[in-house]
Amino acid sequence: MQKQVTQQNGNVRPHLSPDEQMAVEIGAAIESVLFVSGRPLERAELRKLLDVDDTSLTLGLQTLQHDLEHHRRGIRLQRLGEQVQLVTAPEMARYVAALLGLPMTAKLTTAAMETLAVISYRQPVTRAQIEAVRGVNSDRALVSLIQHGLVAEVGRAQT
């Protein structure tokens, strides 16, 4: 059970056990190293850099991950196999896209996905051929695909 202590400035802060404090410090060190590296790091590399054992590293990673998610921070800790990296939080994608000048990705409708599949498989293909394969009008799906820059009209079929 955590005790609450009042600091001199009047803020209430939970008292951490020595093990919890160590996990917080290791988590902060992991966050700093990952931020500066700008790339995924292997767990073995982190253990060596921080001079900690595997159990301490795992506790530090868990603490950092919990803090980033629980406090709704703009970054997340991502683990893939033995690699660990900092990534932007998915809910912040629109802000990152705006900064980088990237268009936000839009989900395609089922009709647009079907139309894209037909075009990919049979290209070059005419509207009539797409509609013959799908069995329905594909105008809206084609407009959507063109607007998203996934397909382009390149000419007309010879008749």
N, C-alpha and C. Protein backbone atom coordinates (compact mmCIF):
# COMPACT_ATOMS: atom_id res chain seq x y z
N MET A 1 0.84 -1.17 0.00
CA MET A 1 0.00 0.00 0.00
C MET A 1 0.88 1.24 0.00
N GLN A 2 0.56 2.20 -0.83
CA GLN A 2 1.36 3.41 -0.93
C GLN A 2 0.89 4.45 0.08
N LYS A 3 1.84 5.08 0.74
CA LYS A 3 1.54 6.19 1.65
C LYS A 3 1.64 7.48 0.86
N GLN A 4 0.86 8.47 1.27
CA GLN A 4 0.98 9.77 0.62
C GLN A 4 1.75 10.70 1.53
N VAL A 5 2.68 11.40 0.94
CA VAL A 5 3.45 12.38 1.70
C VAL A 5 3.30 13.74 1.03
N THR A 6 3.34 14.77 1.82
CA THR A 6 3.21 16.12 1.29
C THR A 6 4.59 16.73 1.14
N GLN A 7 4.89 17.20 -0.06
CA GLN A 7 6.16 17.86 -0.30
C GLN A 7 6.08 19.29 0.21
N GLN A 8 7.21 19.97 0.25
CA GLN A 8 7.26 21.34 0.75
C GLN A 8 6.35 22.28 -0.03
N ASN A 9 6.19 22.05 -1.33
CA ASN A 9 5.35 22.94 -2.12
C ASN A 9 3.86 22.62 -1.99
N GLY A 10 3.52 21.63 -1.17
CA GLY A 10 2.13 21.32 -0.91
C GLY A 10 1.54 20.24 -1.80
N ASN A 11 2.26 19.79 -2.83
CA ASN A 11 1.75 18.73 -3.70
C ASN A 11 1.80 17.39 -2.99
N VAL A 12 0.77 16.59 -3.19
CA VAL A 12 0.74 15.27 -2.59
C VAL A 12 1.32 14.29 -3.59
N ARG A 13 2.26 13.47 -3.13
CA ARG A 13 2.93 12.51 -4.00
C ARG A 13 2.98 11.17 -3.29
N PRO A 14 2.64 10.09 -3.98
CA PRO A 14 2.69 8.79 -3.32
C PRO A 14 4.13 8.42 -2.96
N HIS A 15 4.31 7.82 -1.81
CA HIS A 15 5.63 7.34 -1.39
C HIS A 15 5.89 6.01 -2.08
N LEU A 16 7.02 5.88 -2.73
CA LEU A 16 7.36 4.67 -3.46
C LEU A 16 8.35 3.85 -2.66
N SER A 17 8.19 2.53 -2.77
CA SER A 17 9.16 1.64 -2.15
C SER A 17 10.48 1.77 -2.92
N PRO A 18 11.58 1.31 -2.34
CA PRO A 18 12.86 1.38 -3.08
C PRO A 18 12.81 0.65 -4.43
N ASP A 19 12.12 -0.50 -4.49
CA ASP A 19 12.01 -1.23 -5.76
C ASP A 19 11.20 -0.44 -6.78
N GLU A 20 10.11 0.18 -6.33
CA GLU A 20 9.29 0.99 -7.23
C GLU A 20 10.06 2.21 -7.72
N GLN A 21 10.80 2.82 -6.82
CA GLN A 21 11.61 3.99 -7.20
C GLN A 21 12.66 3.60 -8.24
N MET A 22 13.28 2.43 -8.05
CA MET A 22 14.29 1.95 -9.00
C MET A 22 13.64 1.71 -10.36
N ALA A 23 12.44 1.11 -10.39
CA ALA A 23 11.74 0.86 -11.65
C ALA A 23 11.41 2.18 -12.36
N VAL A 24 11.02 3.20 -11.60
CA VAL A 24 10.73 4.51 -12.18
C VAL A 24 12.00 5.12 -12.77
N GLU A 25 13.10 5.02 -12.05
CA GLU A 25 14.37 5.58 -12.54
C GLU A 25 14.85 4.85 -13.79
N ILE A 26 14.75 3.52 -13.79
CA ILE A 26 15.15 2.75 -14.98
C ILE A 26 14.24 3.10 -16.15
N GLY A 27 12.93 3.22 -15.90
CA GLY A 27 11.99 3.61 -16.95
C GLY A 27 12.35 4.97 -17.54
N ALA A 28 12.71 5.93 -16.68
CA ALA A 28 13.10 7.25 -17.16
C ALA A 28 14.38 7.18 -17.99
N ALA A 29 15.32 6.35 -17.56
CA ALA A 29 16.57 6.18 -18.32
C ALA A 29 16.29 5.55 -19.68
N ILE A 30 15.41 4.55 -19.70
CA ILE A 30 15.03 3.90 -20.97
C ILE A 30 14.41 4.94 -21.90
N GLU A 31 13.50 5.74 -21.37
CA GLU A 31 12.83 6.77 -22.17
C GLU A 31 13.86 7.73 -22.77
N SER A 32 14.81 8.17 -21.98
CA SER A 32 15.84 9.10 -22.46
C SER A 32 16.69 8.48 -23.56
N VAL A 33 17.15 7.26 -23.33
CA VAL A 33 18.02 6.59 -24.30
C VAL A 33 17.28 6.33 -25.61
N LEU A 34 16.02 5.88 -25.52
CA LEU A 34 15.25 5.62 -26.73
C LEU A 34 14.95 6.91 -27.48
N PHE A 35 14.67 7.97 -26.75
CA PHE A 35 14.38 9.27 -27.37
C PHE A 35 15.60 9.76 -28.16
N VAL A 36 16.76 9.69 -27.56
CA VAL A 36 17.97 10.18 -28.21
C VAL A 36 18.39 9.28 -29.37
N SER A 37 18.20 7.97 -29.22
CA SER A 37 18.65 7.04 -30.26
C SER A 37 17.84 7.21 -31.54
N GLY A 38 16.54 7.48 -31.42
CA GLY A 38 15.70 7.63 -32.60
C GLY A 38 15.52 6.35 -33.39
N ARG A 39 15.85 5.23 -32.78
CA ARG A 39 15.73 3.93 -33.46
C ARG A 39 15.41 2.87 -32.41
N PRO A 40 14.92 1.71 -32.85
CA PRO A 40 14.69 0.63 -31.89
C PRO A 40 16.01 0.14 -31.30
N LEU A 41 15.98 -0.21 -30.03
CA LEU A 41 17.16 -0.77 -29.36
C LEU A 41 16.83 -2.17 -28.87
N GLU A 42 17.83 -3.03 -28.92
CA GLU A 42 17.68 -4.39 -28.40
C GLU A 42 17.68 -4.35 -26.87
N ARG A 43 16.95 -5.28 -26.26
CA ARG A 43 16.94 -5.36 -24.80
C ARG A 43 18.35 -5.56 -24.26
N ALA A 44 19.15 -6.38 -24.94
CA ALA A 44 20.53 -6.62 -24.49
C ALA A 44 21.33 -5.32 -24.49
N GLU A 45 21.12 -4.49 -25.49
CA GLU A 45 21.82 -3.21 -25.57
C GLU A 45 21.38 -2.29 -24.42
N LEU A 46 20.09 -2.30 -24.12
CA LEU A 46 19.58 -1.49 -23.00
C LEU A 46 20.15 -1.98 -21.67
N ARG A 47 20.20 -3.31 -21.48
CA ARG A 47 20.76 -3.86 -20.23
C ARG A 47 22.20 -3.40 -20.05
N LYS A 48 22.97 -3.45 -21.14
CA LYS A 48 24.37 -3.05 -21.08
C LYS A 48 24.52 -1.55 -20.81
N LEU A 49 23.75 -0.73 -21.54
CA LEU A 49 23.82 0.73 -21.36
C LEU A 49 23.44 1.16 -19.95
N LEU A 50 22.41 0.53 -19.40
CA LEU A 50 21.89 0.93 -18.10
C LEU A 50 22.51 0.15 -16.95
N ASP A 51 23.29 -0.87 -17.30
CA ASP A 51 23.94 -1.71 -16.29
C ASP A 51 22.93 -2.30 -15.31
N VAL A 52 21.90 -2.97 -15.88
CA VAL A 52 20.86 -3.60 -15.07
C VAL A 52 20.66 -5.04 -15.52
N ASP A 53 20.07 -5.84 -14.65
CA ASP A 53 19.76 -7.22 -15.02
C ASP A 53 18.43 -7.26 -15.78
N ASP A 54 18.08 -8.44 -16.30
CA ASP A 54 16.89 -8.57 -17.12
C ASP A 54 15.61 -8.27 -16.35
N THR A 55 15.55 -8.69 -15.09
CA THR A 55 14.36 -8.45 -14.28
C THR A 55 14.15 -6.95 -14.06
N SER A 56 15.22 -6.24 -13.74
CA SER A 56 15.13 -4.79 -13.53
C SER A 56 14.74 -4.07 -14.82
N LEU A 57 15.30 -4.53 -15.95
CA LEU A 57 14.95 -3.93 -17.23
C LEU A 57 13.47 -4.13 -17.52
N THR A 58 12.99 -5.35 -17.30
CA THR A 58 11.57 -5.65 -17.54
C THR A 58 10.67 -4.78 -16.68
N LEU A 59 11.01 -4.62 -15.41
CA LEU A 59 10.22 -3.76 -14.52
C LEU A 59 10.26 -2.30 -14.98
N GLY A 60 11.43 -1.84 -15.42
CA GLY A 60 11.54 -0.48 -15.93
C GLY A 60 10.70 -0.28 -17.18
N LEU A 61 10.73 -1.26 -18.09
CA LEU A 61 9.92 -1.19 -19.31
C LEU A 61 8.43 -1.17 -18.97
N GLN A 62 8.02 -2.02 -18.04
CA GLN A 62 6.60 -2.07 -17.64
C GLN A 62 6.17 -0.75 -17.01
N THR A 63 7.02 -0.19 -16.16
CA THR A 63 6.70 1.08 -15.51
C THR A 63 6.58 2.20 -16.54
N LEU A 64 7.53 2.26 -17.46
CA LEU A 64 7.50 3.29 -18.50
C LEU A 64 6.25 3.13 -19.36
N GLN A 65 5.96 1.91 -19.78
CA GLN A 65 4.79 1.67 -20.62
C GLN A 65 3.51 2.08 -19.89
N HIS A 66 3.40 1.71 -18.64
CA HIS A 66 2.22 2.08 -17.85
C HIS A 66 2.09 3.60 -17.74
N ASP A 67 3.19 4.27 -17.43
CA ASP A 67 3.15 5.73 -17.28
C ASP A 67 2.74 6.43 -18.58
N LEU A 68 3.30 5.99 -19.70
CA LEU A 68 2.98 6.62 -20.98
C LEU A 68 1.52 6.43 -21.35
N GLU A 69 0.97 5.25 -21.08
CA GLU A 69 -0.42 4.97 -21.43
C GLU A 69 -1.38 5.56 -20.40
N HIS A 70 -1.07 5.40 -19.13
CA HIS A 70 -1.97 5.84 -18.06
C HIS A 70 -2.12 7.36 -18.02
N HIS A 71 -1.07 8.07 -18.32
CA HIS A 71 -1.10 9.53 -18.28
C HIS A 71 -1.39 10.14 -19.64
N ARG A 72 -1.83 9.30 -20.59
CA ARG A 72 -2.23 9.73 -21.94
C ARG A 72 -1.19 10.64 -22.59
N ARG A 73 0.05 10.14 -22.59
CA ARG A 73 1.15 10.89 -23.19
C ARG A 73 1.08 10.74 -24.70
N GLY A 74 1.82 11.56 -25.41
CA GLY A 74 1.81 11.56 -26.87
C GLY A 74 2.71 10.51 -27.50
N ILE A 75 3.42 9.77 -26.67
CA ILE A 75 4.26 8.69 -27.19
C ILE A 75 3.91 7.39 -26.46
N ARG A 76 4.28 6.29 -27.08
CA ARG A 76 4.06 4.97 -26.52
C ARG A 76 5.35 4.17 -26.63
N LEU A 77 5.45 3.17 -25.80
CA LEU A 77 6.56 2.23 -25.86
C LEU A 77 6.09 1.05 -26.69
N GLN A 78 6.84 0.72 -27.71
CA GLN A 78 6.48 -0.39 -28.58
C GLN A 78 7.55 -1.46 -28.48
N ARG A 79 7.11 -2.69 -28.30
CA ARG A 79 8.05 -3.82 -28.22
C ARG A 79 7.75 -4.78 -29.36
N LEU A 80 8.80 -5.22 -30.00
CA LEU A 80 8.67 -6.22 -31.06
C LEU A 80 9.82 -7.18 -30.89
N GLY A 81 9.50 -8.37 -30.39
CA GLY A 81 10.55 -9.33 -30.10
C GLY A 81 11.46 -8.78 -29.03
N GLU A 82 12.73 -8.71 -29.32
CA GLU A 82 13.72 -8.19 -28.37
C GLU A 82 13.98 -6.70 -28.55
N GLN A 83 13.28 -6.07 -29.49
CA GLN A 83 13.50 -4.65 -29.75
C GLN A 83 12.45 -3.79 -29.05
N VAL A 84 12.89 -2.60 -28.65
CA VAL A 84 12.03 -1.65 -27.96
C VAL A 84 12.24 -0.29 -28.61
N GLN A 85 11.14 0.46 -28.81
CA GLN A 85 11.27 1.80 -29.38
C GLN A 85 10.14 2.69 -28.91
N LEU A 86 10.35 4.00 -29.03
CA LEU A 86 9.30 4.97 -28.75
C LEU A 86 8.62 5.30 -30.07
N VAL A 87 7.30 5.35 -30.04
CA VAL A 87 6.51 5.69 -31.22
C VAL A 87 5.45 6.70 -30.81
N THR A 88 4.90 7.41 -31.78
CA THR A 88 3.84 8.35 -31.46
C THR A 88 2.56 7.58 -31.13
N ALA A 89 1.77 8.14 -30.23
CA ALA A 89 0.50 7.53 -29.86
C ALA A 89 -0.44 7.59 -31.05
N PRO A 90 -1.16 6.51 -31.35
CA PRO A 90 -2.04 6.49 -32.51
C PRO A 90 -3.06 7.64 -32.52
N GLU A 91 -3.55 8.01 -31.34
CA GLU A 91 -4.55 9.07 -31.29
C GLU A 91 -3.97 10.45 -31.60
N MET A 92 -2.66 10.55 -31.72
CA MET A 92 -2.01 11.82 -32.06
C MET A 92 -1.61 11.89 -33.53
N ALA A 93 -2.02 10.91 -34.32
CA ALA A 93 -1.60 10.82 -35.72
C ALA A 93 -1.96 12.06 -36.53
N ARG A 94 -3.12 12.63 -36.27
CA ARG A 94 -3.53 13.79 -37.08
C ARG A 94 -2.60 14.98 -36.87
N TYR A 95 -2.08 15.14 -35.66
CA TYR A 95 -1.18 16.26 -35.38
C TYR A 95 0.19 16.03 -36.03
N VAL A 96 0.66 14.80 -35.97
CA VAL A 96 1.95 14.47 -36.59
C VAL A 96 1.83 14.60 -38.10
N ALA A 97 0.71 14.14 -38.66
CA ALA A 97 0.50 14.25 -40.11
C ALA A 97 0.46 15.72 -40.53
N ALA A 98 -0.18 16.56 -39.72
CA ALA A 98 -0.24 17.99 -40.05
C ALA A 98 1.15 18.62 -40.02
N LEU A 99 1.95 18.26 -39.03
CA LEU A 99 3.32 18.78 -38.93
C LEU A 99 4.15 18.37 -40.14
N LEU A 100 4.02 17.12 -40.54
CA LEU A 100 4.82 16.60 -41.64
C LEU A 100 4.21 16.87 -43.01
N GLY A 101 3.01 17.44 -43.03
CA GLY A 101 2.35 17.72 -44.30
C GLY A 101 1.85 16.47 -44.98
N LEU A 102 1.52 15.46 -44.19
CA LEU A 102 1.04 14.20 -44.75
C LEU A 102 -0.48 14.18 -44.77
N PRO A 103 -1.07 13.62 -45.83
CA PRO A 103 -2.52 13.49 -45.82
C PRO A 103 -2.92 12.37 -44.86
N MET A 104 -4.03 12.54 -44.20
CA MET A 104 -4.53 11.49 -43.32
C MET A 104 -5.04 10.35 -44.19
N THR A 105 -4.73 9.15 -43.82
CA THR A 105 -5.21 8.01 -44.58
C THR A 105 -6.68 7.80 -44.27
N ALA A 106 -7.42 7.50 -45.29
CA ALA A 106 -8.84 7.24 -45.13
C ALA A 106 -9.10 5.77 -45.40
N LYS A 107 -10.06 5.24 -44.70
CA LYS A 107 -10.41 3.85 -44.94
C LYS A 107 -11.23 3.76 -46.22
N LEU A 108 -10.97 2.72 -46.97
CA LEU A 108 -11.70 2.51 -48.21
C LEU A 108 -12.95 1.68 -47.93
N THR A 109 -13.99 1.97 -48.69
CA THR A 109 -15.20 1.16 -48.58
C THR A 109 -14.94 -0.21 -49.18
N THR A 110 -15.82 -1.13 -48.89
CA THR A 110 -15.69 -2.47 -49.47
C THR A 110 -15.74 -2.39 -50.99
N ALA A 111 -16.63 -1.56 -51.52
CA ALA A 111 -16.75 -1.40 -52.98
C ALA A 111 -15.44 -0.87 -53.57
N ALA A 112 -14.83 0.10 -52.90
CA ALA A 112 -13.57 0.65 -53.40
C ALA A 112 -12.47 -0.40 -53.34
N MET A 113 -12.45 -1.20 -52.28
CA MET A 113 -11.43 -2.26 -52.16
C MET A 113 -11.62 -3.30 -53.28
N GLU A 114 -12.87 -3.68 -53.54
CA GLU A 114 -13.14 -4.64 -54.61
C GLU A 114 -12.70 -4.07 -55.96
N THR A 115 -13.02 -2.81 -56.18
CA THR A 115 -12.65 -2.16 -57.44
C THR A 115 -11.14 -2.08 -57.59
N LEU A 116 -10.45 -1.74 -56.51
CA LEU A 116 -8.99 -1.69 -56.54
C LEU A 116 -8.40 -3.07 -56.83
N ALA A 117 -8.99 -4.10 -56.27
CA ALA A 117 -8.52 -5.47 -56.52
C ALA A 117 -8.67 -5.84 -58.00
N VAL A 118 -9.81 -5.49 -58.58
CA VAL A 118 -10.04 -5.78 -60.00
C VAL A 118 -9.02 -5.03 -60.86
N ILE A 119 -8.81 -3.76 -60.56
CA ILE A 119 -7.85 -2.96 -61.33
C ILE A 119 -6.44 -3.52 -61.18
N SER A 120 -6.07 -3.87 -59.97
CA SER A 120 -4.72 -4.41 -59.73
C SER A 120 -4.49 -5.70 -60.49
N TYR A 121 -5.49 -6.54 -60.50
CA TYR A 121 -5.35 -7.85 -61.13
C TYR A 121 -5.39 -7.77 -62.65
N ARG A 122 -6.24 -6.92 -63.21
CA ARG A 122 -6.47 -6.92 -64.66
C ARG A 122 -5.92 -5.71 -65.41
N GLN A 123 -5.19 -4.84 -64.76
CA GLN A 123 -4.76 -3.59 -65.41
C GLN A 123 -3.99 -3.84 -66.70
N PRO A 124 -4.11 -2.95 -67.68
CA PRO A 124 -5.05 -1.84 -67.76
C PRO A 124 -6.47 -2.36 -68.01
N VAL A 125 -7.43 -1.64 -67.47
CA VAL A 125 -8.81 -2.10 -67.53
C VAL A 125 -9.74 -0.90 -67.70
N THR A 126 -10.84 -1.10 -68.39
CA THR A 126 -11.82 -0.02 -68.60
C THR A 126 -12.89 -0.08 -67.52
N ARG A 127 -13.66 1.01 -67.43
CA ARG A 127 -14.78 1.04 -66.47
C ARG A 127 -15.75 -0.10 -66.76
N ALA A 128 -16.05 -0.30 -68.02
CA ALA A 128 -16.99 -1.35 -68.40
C ALA A 128 -16.48 -2.73 -67.96
N GLN A 129 -15.19 -2.97 -68.11
CA GLN A 129 -14.62 -4.26 -67.68
C GLN A 129 -14.69 -4.42 -66.16
N ILE A 130 -14.45 -3.33 -65.43
CA ILE A 130 -14.54 -3.38 -63.97
C ILE A 130 -15.97 -3.73 -63.56
N GLU A 131 -16.93 -3.05 -64.18
CA GLU A 131 -18.33 -3.28 -63.83
C GLU A 131 -18.79 -4.67 -64.24
N ALA A 132 -18.23 -5.20 -65.32
CA ALA A 132 -18.59 -6.56 -65.73
C ALA A 132 -18.10 -7.58 -64.70
N VAL A 133 -16.92 -7.37 -64.15
CA VAL A 133 -16.38 -8.28 -63.14
C VAL A 133 -17.16 -8.14 -61.83
N ARG A 134 -17.41 -6.91 -61.40
CA ARG A 134 -18.09 -6.67 -60.12
C ARG A 134 -19.59 -6.87 -60.22
N GLY A 135 -20.17 -6.64 -61.39
CA GLY A 135 -21.61 -6.81 -61.56
C GLY A 135 -22.44 -5.62 -61.10
N VAL A 136 -21.79 -4.52 -60.74
CA VAL A 136 -22.50 -3.32 -60.29
C VAL A 136 -21.76 -2.08 -60.80
N ASN A 137 -22.42 -0.92 -60.72
CA ASN A 137 -21.82 0.34 -61.11
C ASN A 137 -20.66 0.66 -60.15
N SER A 138 -19.53 1.06 -60.71
CA SER A 138 -18.34 1.31 -59.90
C SER A 138 -17.87 2.76 -59.94
N ASP A 139 -18.73 3.66 -60.41
CA ASP A 139 -18.32 5.06 -60.55
C ASP A 139 -17.86 5.69 -59.24
N ARG A 140 -18.64 5.54 -58.18
CA ARG A 140 -18.27 6.17 -56.90
C ARG A 140 -16.97 5.58 -56.35
N ALA A 141 -16.82 4.28 -56.48
CA ALA A 141 -15.59 3.63 -56.00
C ALA A 141 -14.38 4.13 -56.79
N LEU A 142 -14.54 4.28 -58.10
CA LEU A 142 -13.44 4.78 -58.93
C LEU A 142 -13.07 6.22 -58.57
N VAL A 143 -14.07 7.06 -58.35
CA VAL A 143 -13.81 8.45 -57.95
C VAL A 143 -13.02 8.47 -56.64
N SER A 144 -13.42 7.65 -55.69
CA SER A 144 -12.73 7.57 -54.40
C SER A 144 -11.28 7.14 -54.58
N LEU A 145 -11.05 6.13 -55.41
CA LEU A 145 -9.69 5.64 -55.64
C LEU A 145 -8.82 6.69 -56.33
N ILE A 146 -9.41 7.43 -57.26
CA ILE A 146 -8.67 8.49 -57.95
C ILE A 146 -8.34 9.61 -56.97
N GLN A 147 -9.31 10.00 -56.12
CA GLN A 147 -9.08 11.07 -55.14
C GLN A 147 -7.99 10.70 -54.14
N HIS A 148 -7.89 9.44 -53.79
CA HIS A 148 -6.86 8.99 -52.86
C HIS A 148 -5.52 8.74 -53.55
N GLY A 149 -5.50 8.92 -54.87
CA GLY A 149 -4.25 8.75 -55.60
C GLY A 149 -3.83 7.30 -55.76
N LEU A 150 -4.79 6.39 -55.64
CA LEU A 150 -4.47 4.96 -55.75
C LEU A 150 -4.53 4.46 -57.19
N VAL A 151 -5.32 5.12 -58.02
CA VAL A 151 -5.39 4.77 -59.44
C VAL A 151 -5.44 6.06 -60.24
N ALA A 152 -5.14 5.94 -61.52
CA ALA A 152 -5.20 7.11 -62.41
C ALA A 152 -5.73 6.67 -63.77
N GLU A 153 -6.46 7.56 -64.39
CA GLU A 153 -6.94 7.30 -65.74
C GLU A 153 -5.79 7.62 -66.68
N VAL A 154 -5.43 6.66 -67.54
CA VAL A 154 -4.26 6.86 -68.39
C VAL A 154 -4.58 6.90 -69.87
N GLY A 155 -5.82 6.75 -70.23
CA GLY A 155 -6.15 6.79 -71.64
C GLY A 155 -7.50 6.16 -71.90
N ARG A 156 -7.75 5.89 -73.16
CA ARG A 156 -9.03 5.31 -73.56
C ARG A 156 -8.75 4.05 -74.37
N ALA A 157 -9.65 3.09 -74.23
CA ALA A 157 -9.51 1.85 -74.99
C ALA A 157 -9.91 2.10 -76.44
N GLN A 158 -9.27 1.39 -77.35
CA GLN A 158 -9.64 1.51 -78.76
C GLN A 158 -10.92 0.73 -78.98
N THR A 159 -11.83 1.33 -79.74
CA THR A 159 -13.10 0.65 -79.99
C THR A 159 -13.23 0.22 -81.41
